[in-house]
């Protein structure tokens, strides 16, 4: 299973989002710092879920990182666009 697929599975199970986009942006960073050659080093997530209602930005990020668990240390970069 790809890292992208793992992210989608975990985020859907945890948040039941009404909107979820997970984009592998590794191709944009080929040859740059953090590119390990795996093609799975840079990602962007856009998620909208009720679970983020009332949380400040730091709390939203921490909540999402917790849901991703051991995936976060396996990648170099993660862009987040989180909302309720």
PDB file of N, CA and C in Angstrom:
ATOM      1  N   UNK A   1       0.859  -1.184   0.000  1.00  0.00           N
ATOM      2  CA  UNK A   1       0.000   0.000   0.000  1.00  0.00           C
ATOM      3  C   UNK A   1       0.894   1.231   0.000  1.00  0.00           C
ATOM      4  N   UNK A   2       0.576   2.201  -0.819  1.00  0.00           N
ATOM      5  CA  UNK A   2       1.350   3.438  -0.881  1.00  0.00           C
ATOM      6  C   UNK A   2       1.107   4.277   0.377  1.00  0.00           C
ATOM      7  N   UNK A   3       2.022   5.187   0.631  1.00  0.00           N
ATOM      8  CA  UNK A   3       1.859   6.085   1.766  1.00  0.00           C
ATOM      9  C   UNK A   3       0.592   6.914   1.594  1.00  0.00           C
ATOM     10  N   UNK A   4       0.320   7.359   0.383  1.00  0.00           N
ATOM     11  CA  UNK A   4      -0.898   8.135   0.108  1.00  0.00           C
ATOM     12  C   UNK A   4      -2.138   7.324   0.494  1.00  0.00           C
ATOM     13  N   UNK A   5      -2.177   6.059   0.091  1.00  0.00           N
ATOM     14  CA  UNK A   5      -3.319   5.207   0.424  1.00  0.00           C
ATOM     15  C   UNK A   5      -3.437   4.995   1.930  1.00  0.00           C
ATOM     16  N   UNK A   6      -2.297   4.829   2.608  1.00  0.00           N
ATOM     17  CA  UNK A   6      -2.317   4.691   4.068  1.00  0.00           C
ATOM     18  C   UNK A   6      -2.911   5.944   4.713  1.00  0.00           C
ATOM     19  N   UNK A   7      -2.492   7.111   4.224  1.00  0.00           N
ATOM     20  CA  UNK A   7      -3.015   8.371   4.766  1.00  0.00           C
ATOM     21  C   UNK A   7      -4.530   8.449   4.594  1.00  0.00           C
ATOM     22  N   UNK A   8      -4.999   8.161   3.401  1.00  0.00           N
ATOM     23  CA  UNK A   8      -6.435   8.226   3.132  1.00  0.00           C
ATOM     24  C   UNK A   8      -7.198   7.278   4.043  1.00  0.00           C
ATOM     25  N   UNK A   9      -6.718   6.066   4.179  1.00  0.00           N
ATOM     26  CA  UNK A   9      -7.380   5.069   5.026  1.00  0.00           C
ATOM     27  C   UNK A   9      -7.479   5.549   6.464  1.00  0.00           C
ATOM     28  N   UNK A  10      -6.377   6.048   7.010  1.00  0.00           N
ATOM     29  CA  UNK A  10      -6.367   6.496   8.413  1.00  0.00           C
ATOM     30  C   UNK A  10      -7.229   7.734   8.619  1.00  0.00           C
ATOM     31  N   UNK A  11      -7.128   8.680   7.693  1.00  0.00           N
ATOM     32  CA  UNK A  11      -7.904   9.921   7.854  1.00  0.00           C
ATOM     33  C   UNK A  11      -9.399   9.678   7.708  1.00  0.00           C
ATOM     34  N   UNK A  12      -9.790   8.835   6.774  1.00  0.00           N
ATOM     35  CA  UNK A  12     -11.218   8.520   6.623  1.00  0.00           C
ATOM     36  C   UNK A  12     -11.745   7.795   7.853  1.00  0.00           C
ATOM     37  N   UNK A  13     -10.965   6.854   8.383  1.00  0.00           N
ATOM     38  CA  UNK A  13     -11.405   6.094   9.552  1.00  0.00           C
ATOM     39  C   UNK A  13     -11.511   6.973  10.795  1.00  0.00           C
ATOM     40  N   UNK A  14     -10.596   7.913  10.942  1.00  0.00           N
ATOM     41  CA  UNK A  14     -10.560   8.752  12.137  1.00  0.00           C
ATOM     42  C   UNK A  14     -11.565   9.893  12.089  1.00  0.00           C
ATOM     43  N   UNK A  15     -11.690  10.548  10.936  1.00  0.00           N
ATOM     44  CA  UNK A  15     -12.458  11.789  10.869  1.00  0.00           C
ATOM     45  C   UNK A  15     -13.757  11.723  10.074  1.00  0.00           C
ATOM     46  N   UNK A  16     -13.973  10.696   9.275  1.00  0.00           N
ATOM     47  CA  UNK A  16     -15.137  10.637   8.389  1.00  0.00           C
ATOM     48  C   UNK A  16     -15.340  12.001   7.707  1.00  0.00           C
ATOM     49  N   UNK A  17     -14.319  12.473   6.993  1.00  0.00           N
ATOM     50  CA  UNK A  17     -14.378  13.818   6.416  1.00  0.00           C
ATOM     51  C   UNK A  17     -15.416  13.952   5.314  1.00  0.00           C
ATOM     52  N   UNK A  18     -15.956  15.160   5.190  1.00  0.00           N
ATOM     53  CA  UNK A  18     -16.867  15.424   4.081  1.00  0.00           C
ATOM     54  C   UNK A  18     -16.073  15.807   2.844  1.00  0.00           C
ATOM     55  N   UNK A  19     -14.794  16.167   3.050  1.00  0.00           N
ATOM     56  CA  UNK A  19     -13.900  16.468   1.938  1.00  0.00           C
ATOM     57  C   UNK A  19     -12.504  16.002   2.323  1.00  0.00           C
ATOM     58  N   UNK A  20     -11.854  15.289   1.418  1.00  0.00           N
ATOM     59  CA  UNK A  20     -10.490  14.829   1.661  1.00  0.00           C
ATOM     60  C   UNK A  20      -9.751  14.712   0.341  1.00  0.00           C
ATOM     61  N   UNK A  21      -8.624  15.399   0.272  1.00  0.00           N
ATOM     62  CA  UNK A  21      -7.729  15.288  -0.871  1.00  0.00           C
ATOM     63  C   UNK A  21      -6.330  15.051  -0.331  1.00  0.00           C
ATOM     64  N   UNK A  22      -5.678  14.018  -0.806  1.00  0.00           N
ATOM     65  CA  UNK A  22      -4.297  13.742  -0.432  1.00  0.00           C
ATOM     66  C   UNK A  22      -3.504  13.676  -1.729  1.00  0.00           C
ATOM     67  N   UNK A  23      -2.598  14.621  -1.890  1.00  0.00           N
ATOM     68  CA  UNK A  23      -1.822  14.696  -3.121  1.00  0.00           C
ATOM     69  C   UNK A  23      -0.357  14.380  -2.854  1.00  0.00           C
ATOM     70  N   UNK A  24       0.178  13.472  -3.629  1.00  0.00           N
ATOM     71  CA  UNK A  24       1.601  13.180  -3.578  1.00  0.00           C
ATOM     72  C   UNK A  24       2.292  14.219  -4.458  1.00  0.00           C
ATOM     73  N   UNK A  25       3.037  15.115  -3.834  1.00  0.00           N
ATOM     74  CA  UNK A  25       3.726  16.188  -4.548  1.00  0.00           C
ATOM     75  C   UNK A  25       5.222  15.921  -4.686  1.00  0.00           C
ATOM     76  N   UNK A  26       5.624  14.696  -4.481  1.00  0.00           N
ATOM     77  CA  UNK A  26       7.045  14.353  -4.503  1.00  0.00           C
ATOM     78  C   UNK A  26       7.708  14.695  -5.831  1.00  0.00           C
ATOM     79  N   UNK A  27       6.981  14.542  -6.929  1.00  0.00           N
ATOM     80  CA  UNK A  27       7.545  14.824  -8.249  1.00  0.00           C
ATOM     81  C   UNK A  27       7.995  16.281  -8.375  1.00  0.00           C
ATOM     82  N   UNK A  28       7.392  17.166  -7.599  1.00  0.00           N
ATOM     83  CA  UNK A  28       7.770  18.580  -7.642  1.00  0.00           C
ATOM     84  C   UNK A  28       9.111  18.838  -6.958  1.00  0.00           C
ATOM     85  N   UNK A  29       9.589  17.869  -6.190  1.00  0.00           N
ATOM     86  CA  UNK A  29      10.780  18.056  -5.374  1.00  0.00           C
ATOM     87  C   UNK A  29      11.916  17.110  -5.758  1.00  0.00           C
ATOM     88  N   UNK A  30      11.799  16.473  -6.887  1.00  0.00           N
ATOM     89  CA  UNK A  30      12.831  15.534  -7.334  1.00  0.00           C
ATOM     90  C   UNK A  30      14.187  16.226  -7.373  1.00  0.00           C
ATOM     91  N   UNK A  31      15.153  15.612  -6.715  1.00  0.00           N
ATOM     92  CA  UNK A  31      16.502  16.156  -6.693  1.00  0.00           C
ATOM     93  C   UNK A  31      16.750  17.203  -5.624  1.00  0.00           C
ATOM     94  N   UNK A  32      15.718  17.636  -4.922  1.00  0.00           N
ATOM     95  CA  UNK A  32      15.871  18.639  -3.865  1.00  0.00           C
ATOM     96  C   UNK A  32      16.111  17.956  -2.521  1.00  0.00           C
ATOM     97  N   UNK A  33      16.437  18.753  -1.527  1.00  0.00           N
ATOM     98  CA  UNK A  33      16.626  18.229  -0.172  1.00  0.00           C
ATOM     99  C   UNK A  33      15.363  17.496   0.276  1.00  0.00           C
ATOM    100  N   UNK A  34      15.555  16.368   0.891  1.00  0.00           N
ATOM    101  CA  UNK A  34      14.426  15.595   1.391  1.00  0.00           C
ATOM    102  C   UNK A  34      13.899  14.580   0.408  1.00  0.00           C
ATOM    103  N   UNK A  35      14.329  14.659  -0.846  1.00  0.00           N
ATOM    104  CA  UNK A  35      13.903  13.665  -1.843  1.00  0.00           C
ATOM    105  C   UNK A  35      14.762  12.430  -1.665  1.00  0.00           C
ATOM    106  N   UNK A  36      14.159  11.364  -1.188  1.00  0.00           N
ATOM    107  CA  UNK A  36      14.905  10.126  -0.952  1.00  0.00           C
ATOM    108  C   UNK A  36      14.854   9.185  -2.152  1.00  0.00           C
ATOM    109  N   UNK A  37      14.229   9.620  -3.229  1.00  0.00           N
ATOM    110  CA  UNK A  37      14.145   8.795  -4.432  1.00  0.00           C
ATOM    111  C   UNK A  37      12.995   7.808  -4.423  1.00  0.00           C
ATOM    112  N   UNK A  38      12.230   7.758  -3.349  1.00  0.00           N
ATOM    113  CA  UNK A  38      11.126   6.800  -3.236  1.00  0.00           C
ATOM    114  C   UNK A  38       9.891   7.240  -4.011  1.00  0.00           C
ATOM    115  N   UNK A  39       9.814   8.536  -4.291  1.00  0.00           N
ATOM    116  CA  UNK A  39       8.608   9.070  -4.917  1.00  0.00           C
ATOM    117  C   UNK A  39       7.484   9.262  -3.920  1.00  0.00           C
ATOM    118  N   UNK A  40       7.791   9.120  -2.633  1.00  0.00           N
ATOM    119  CA  UNK A  40       6.790   9.282  -1.565  1.00  0.00           C
ATOM    120  C   UNK A  40       7.388  10.072  -0.402  1.00  0.00           C
ATOM    121  N   UNK A  41       7.791  11.299  -0.686  1.00  0.00           N
ATOM    122  CA  UNK A  41       8.454  12.108   0.342  1.00  0.00           C
ATOM    123  C   UNK A  41       7.725  13.406   0.673  1.00  0.00           C
ATOM    124  N   UNK A  42       6.905  13.913  -0.251  1.00  0.00           N
ATOM    125  CA  UNK A  42       6.237  15.201  -0.074  1.00  0.00           C
ATOM    126  C   UNK A  42       4.740  15.049  -0.366  1.00  0.00           C
ATOM    127  N   UNK A  43       3.910  15.481   0.583  1.00  0.00           N
ATOM    128  CA  UNK A  43       2.461  15.334   0.434  1.00  0.00           C
ATOM    129  C   UNK A  43       1.736  16.607   0.846  1.00  0.00           C
ATOM    130  N   UNK A  44       0.545  16.771   0.311  1.00  0.00           N
ATOM    131  CA  UNK A  44      -0.342  17.869   0.697  1.00  0.00           C
ATOM    132  C   UNK A  44      -1.717  17.273   1.001  1.00  0.00           C
ATOM    133  N   UNK A  45      -2.290  17.698   2.112  1.00  0.00           N
ATOM    134  CA  UNK A  45      -3.606  17.203   2.527  1.00  0.00           C
ATOM    135  C   UNK A  45      -4.560  18.380   2.669  1.00  0.00           C
ATOM    136  N   UNK A  46      -5.742  18.224   2.099  1.00  0.00           N
ATOM    137  CA  UNK A  46      -6.855  19.154   2.316  1.00  0.00           C
ATOM    138  C   UNK A  46      -7.973  18.309   2.912  1.00  0.00           C
ATOM    139  N   UNK A  47      -8.415  18.703   4.101  1.00  0.00           N
ATOM    140  CA  UNK A  47      -9.439  17.925   4.793  1.00  0.00           C
ATOM    141  C   UNK A  47     -10.436  18.858   5.462  1.00  0.00           C
ATOM    142  N   UNK A  48     -11.707  18.468   5.391  1.00  0.00           N
ATOM    143  CA  UNK A  48     -12.785  19.175   6.066  1.00  0.00           C
ATOM    144  C   UNK A  48     -13.588  18.144   6.849  1.00  0.00           C
ATOM    145  N   UNK A  49     -13.659  18.336   8.164  1.00  0.00           N
ATOM    146  CA  UNK A  49     -14.375  17.384   9.013  1.00  0.00           C
ATOM    147  C   UNK A  49     -14.852  18.083  10.280  1.00  0.00           C
ATOM    148  N   UNK A  50     -15.973  17.640  10.793  1.00  0.00           N
ATOM    149  CA  UNK A  50     -16.539  18.208  12.018  1.00  0.00           C
ATOM    150  C   UNK A  50     -15.589  18.097  13.202  1.00  0.00           C
ATOM    151  N   UNK A  51     -14.728  17.102  13.192  1.00  0.00           N
ATOM    152  CA  UNK A  51     -13.806  16.878  14.309  1.00  0.00           C
ATOM    153  C   UNK A  51     -12.885  18.076  14.561  1.00  0.00           C
ATOM    154  N   UNK A  52     -12.703  18.916  13.566  1.00  0.00           N
ATOM    155  CA  UNK A  52     -11.817  20.069  13.711  1.00  0.00           C
ATOM    156  C   UNK A  52     -12.539  21.327  14.186  1.00  0.00           C
ATOM    157  N   UNK A  53     -13.852  21.254  14.314  1.00  0.00           N
ATOM    158  CA  UNK A  53     -14.670  22.385  14.768  1.00  0.00           C
ATOM    159  C   UNK A  53     -14.206  22.842  16.150  1.00  0.00           C
ATOM    160  N   UNK A  54     -13.948  24.128  16.287  1.00  0.00           N
ATOM    161  CA  UNK A  54     -13.577  24.699  17.578  1.00  0.00           C
ATOM    162  C   UNK A  54     -12.126  24.530  17.979  1.00  0.00           C
ATOM    163  N   UNK A  55     -11.331  23.829  17.175  1.00  0.00           N
ATOM    164  CA  UNK A  55      -9.913  23.656  17.476  1.00  0.00           C
ATOM    165  C   UNK A  55      -9.111  24.761  16.816  1.00  0.00           C
ATOM    166  N   UNK A  56      -8.089  25.245  17.517  1.00  0.00           N
ATOM    167  CA  UNK A  56      -7.215  26.223  16.885  1.00  0.00           C
ATOM    168  C   UNK A  56      -6.279  25.495  15.923  1.00  0.00           C
ATOM    169  N   UNK A  57      -5.512  26.249  15.186  1.00  0.00           N
ATOM    170  CA  UNK A  57      -4.670  25.658  14.138  1.00  0.00           C
ATOM    171  C   UNK A  57      -3.687  24.620  14.678  1.00  0.00           C
ATOM    172  N   UNK A  58      -3.050  24.917  15.790  1.00  0.00           N
ATOM    173  CA  UNK A  58      -2.095  23.978  16.385  1.00  0.00           C
ATOM    174  C   UNK A  58      -2.809  22.692  16.805  1.00  0.00           C
ATOM    175  N   UNK A  59      -3.962  22.812  17.431  1.00  0.00           N
ATOM    176  CA  UNK A  59      -4.731  21.637  17.840  1.00  0.00           C
ATOM    177  C   UNK A  59      -5.157  20.805  16.631  1.00  0.00           C
ATOM    178  N   UNK A  60      -5.570  21.478  15.549  1.00  0.00           N
ATOM    179  CA  UNK A  60      -5.942  20.762  14.326  1.00  0.00           C
ATOM    180  C   UNK A  60      -4.767  19.956  13.791  1.00  0.00           C
ATOM    181  N   UNK A  61      -3.609  20.581  13.719  1.00  0.00           N
ATOM    182  CA  UNK A  61      -2.424  19.902  13.201  1.00  0.00           C
ATOM    183  C   UNK A  61      -2.031  18.724  14.085  1.00  0.00           C
ATOM    184  N   UNK A  62      -2.057  18.923  15.388  1.00  0.00           N
ATOM    185  CA  UNK A  62      -1.707  17.835  16.311  1.00  0.00           C
ATOM    186  C   UNK A  62      -2.680  16.661  16.176  1.00  0.00           C
ATOM    187  N   UNK A  63      -3.962  16.978  16.037  1.00  0.00           N
ATOM    188  CA  UNK A  63      -4.981  15.938  15.896  1.00  0.00           C
ATOM    189  C   UNK A  63      -4.761  15.142  14.618  1.00  0.00           C
ATOM    190  N   UNK A  64      -4.463  15.833  13.534  1.00  0.00           N
ATOM    191  CA  UNK A  64      -4.225  15.143  12.266  1.00  0.00           C
ATOM    192  C   UNK A  64      -2.938  14.319  12.318  1.00  0.00           C
ATOM    193  N   UNK A  65      -1.881  14.888  12.872  1.00  0.00           N
ATOM    194  CA  UNK A  65      -0.618  14.157  12.991  1.00  0.00           C
ATOM    195  C   UNK A  65      -0.799  12.890  13.828  1.00  0.00           C
ATOM    196  N   UNK A  66      -1.582  12.982  14.894  1.00  0.00           N
ATOM    197  CA  UNK A  66      -1.832  11.806  15.732  1.00  0.00           C
ATOM    198  C   UNK A  66      -2.529  10.718  14.925  1.00  0.00           C
ATOM    199  N   UNK A  67      -3.487  11.107  14.095  1.00  0.00           N
ATOM    200  CA  UNK A  67      -4.203  10.128  13.268  1.00  0.00           C
ATOM    201  C   UNK A  67      -3.272   9.465  12.262  1.00  0.00           C
ATOM    202  N   UNK A  68      -2.298  10.211  11.738  1.00  0.00           N
ATOM    203  CA  UNK A  68      -1.361   9.641  10.764  1.00  0.00           C
ATOM    204  C   UNK A  68      -0.299   8.774  11.432  1.00  0.00           C
ATOM    205  N   UNK A  69      -0.039   9.012  12.704  1.00  0.00           N
ATOM    206  CA  UNK A  69       0.870   8.172  13.479  1.00  0.00           C
ATOM    207  C   UNK A  69       2.249   8.026  12.865  1.00  0.00           C
ATOM    208  N   UNK A  70       2.662   6.786  12.634  1.00  0.00           N
ATOM    209  CA  UNK A  70       4.019   6.494  12.180  1.00  0.00           C
ATOM    210  C   UNK A  70       4.294   6.905  10.735  1.00  0.00           C
ATOM    211  N   UNK A  71       3.300   7.407  10.036  1.00  0.00           N
ATOM    212  CA  UNK A  71       3.528   7.883   8.670  1.00  0.00           C
ATOM    213  C   UNK A  71       4.358   9.164   8.682  1.00  0.00           C
ATOM    214  N   UNK A  72       4.087  10.050   9.617  1.00  0.00           N
ATOM    215  CA  UNK A  72       4.729  11.362   9.632  1.00  0.00           C
ATOM    216  C   UNK A  72       6.262  11.263   9.631  1.00  0.00           C
ATOM    217  N   UNK A  73       6.881  10.439  10.461  1.00  0.00           N
ATOM    218  CA  UNK A  73       8.351  10.372  10.423  1.00  0.00           C
ATOM    219  C   UNK A  73       8.910   9.725   9.146  1.00  0.00           C
ATOM    220  N   UNK A  74       8.070   9.085   8.374  1.00  0.00           N
ATOM    221  CA  UNK A  74       8.534   8.413   7.153  1.00  0.00           C
ATOM    222  C   UNK A  74       8.554   9.330   5.936  1.00  0.00           C
ATOM    223  N   UNK A  75       8.043  10.557   6.075  1.00  0.00           N
ATOM    224  CA  UNK A  75       8.023  11.481   4.950  1.00  0.00           C
ATOM    225  C   UNK A  75       8.831  12.730   5.290  1.00  0.00           C
ATOM    226  N   UNK A  76       9.129  13.522   4.265  1.00  0.00           N
ATOM    227  CA  UNK A  76       9.936  14.727   4.471  1.00  0.00           C
ATOM    228  C   UNK A  76       9.081  15.976   4.678  1.00  0.00           C
ATOM    229  N   UNK A  77       7.982  16.092   3.944  1.00  0.00           N
ATOM    230  CA  UNK A  77       7.182  17.312   4.014  1.00  0.00           C
ATOM    231  C   UNK A  77       5.693  16.996   3.925  1.00  0.00           C
ATOM    232  N   UNK A  78       4.907  17.781   4.669  1.00  0.00           N
ATOM    233  CA  UNK A  78       3.470  17.593   4.701  1.00  0.00           C
ATOM    234  C   UNK A  78       2.788  18.950   4.781  1.00  0.00           C
ATOM    235  N   UNK A  79       2.122  19.328   3.698  1.00  0.00           N
ATOM    236  CA  UNK A  79       1.358  20.567   3.679  1.00  0.00           C
ATOM    237  C   UNK A  79      -0.065  20.278   4.124  1.00  0.00           C
ATOM    238  N   UNK A  80      -0.611  21.129   4.996  1.00  0.00           N
ATOM    239  CA  UNK A  80      -1.944  20.890   5.535  1.00  0.00           C
ATOM    240  C   UNK A  80      -2.881  22.065   5.292  1.00  0.00           C
ATOM    241  N   UNK A  81      -4.066  21.748   4.881  1.00  0.00           N
ATOM    242  CA  UNK A  81      -5.172  22.702   4.743  1.00  0.00           C
ATOM    243  C   UNK A  81      -6.345  22.033   5.462  1.00  0.00           C
ATOM    244  N   UNK A  82      -6.574  22.460   6.708  1.00  0.00           N
ATOM    245  CA  UNK A  82      -7.548  21.805   7.584  1.00  0.00           C
ATOM    246  C   UNK A  82      -8.678  22.767   7.901  1.00  0.00           C
ATOM    247  N   UNK A  83      -9.887  22.238   7.924  1.00  0.00           N
ATOM    248  CA  UNK A  83     -11.027  23.044   8.296  1.00  0.00           C
ATOM    249  C   UNK A  83     -12.176  22.203   8.796  1.00  0.00           C
ATOM    250  N   UNK A  84     -13.114  22.863   9.436  1.00  0.00           N
ATOM    251  CA  UNK A  84     -14.286  22.170   9.971  1.00  0.00           C
ATOM    252  C   UNK A  84     -15.351  22.060   8.916  1.00  0.00           C
TER     253      UNK A  84
END
